[in-house]
Structures are given as structure tokens and as C-alpha cells.
């Protein structure tokens, strides 16, 4: 059986948790006040990530000596593709937003269908659990259809989901840092009867 123990966190870790948590909370509130900031931030981060990953792959292809010619060429080609995608994301933010919103809608569609099927077919689960799964599935389908029907609302929804997630992470980090305790899971032996 696992048992939860707590030990004190180092002071530097606690301070960094509280500072980073506060930054996350501030960013989430900024996104909630202006959802367009969330989409813009997401597009900028995606562009930078693709650009840096592309540069890294090109450099690996050029400067790594102990790889085959096909690996070298593969790294360079993938790097150039990532660089091109990074530049494309920044050059065409509207299309990128539409693509991200469409991905969200498709993901929610599949999650909704999976939850409904699980709720219907899982005979071992309680009635409340099955009803909850079906309810979450229906809600996911509804949000998916809303996003497909109104992409602008979908972009706003994507920003709000990002902000809510960031807010939860920020609050959790601040609380954990302020408490000064980190949880450690340890295994304890079970006495034989």
C-alpha cells in the first residue's frame, strides 16, 4: 500500500514555486480579460518552438560526424521543414488559429464519442459513474459542434481553457510553495495476517 509522506522543500524551490505560480496566475488573468492574448501567445510559442527545433535539427545534421549520410540528410530535411513551418505559423496566424481550433474540435469530438461508448458499455461501473461518463461525452460533443459551427467562439474557448489550466497550475504552485512541503510517495509493507 502506498503512503503519502511530506518533507520540507528547499527554500529556493519554495520561492521559485511561488514566483512561477504568481506569473502563471497573472498570465491566466490577462488571458481571461483578453482571450485574443491566449491565441496570440500560443501561436508565438508554437512558431518559436518550431523555429528552434528546426535550427537544432539542421545543426545536428551538419555538425554531427558519427552518423550516416541518410541520417545527416534526414536531420537537415526535417530541420528545414520545421523552420519553414515555424515561419509559416508566424506569417499566417489566422490559418494557424483556424487549424488549432479545428484540432480542438476534432479532439473533443473523439473524446465525446469515447466517453459515451464507455458509459454505455461499461457494465461494471456504477449507474452514477456511467451517467457521468455519458454526460461528459454529450458535453464534449456539444462543445465540439459549437467550435465547428462558430470558429471564432472556438478560438475564444481555446483561450479560456488555456487560461483556466494556467490559473489552476499557478494556484497549485503558489500553495505548494507557501506550504513548504512536497509530497513523497513511499511504499510500506503490508503485514501478513
Foldseek 3Di string as FASTA:
>chain_A
DKDKDKDFDDLVLLVVLQVLLVVLLVVLVVCVVPVVVLLVVVLLVQLVVLLVQLVVLLCCLVPPDPDDVVSSVVSNVSSVVSNVVSVVSVVCVPVVLLVVLLVLLVVLLVQLVVLLVCLVPVPVDDVVSSVVSNVSSVVSNVLSVVCVVPVVVSSSVVSNVSSVVSNVSSVVSNVCSVVRMDMDMDDDDDDDD
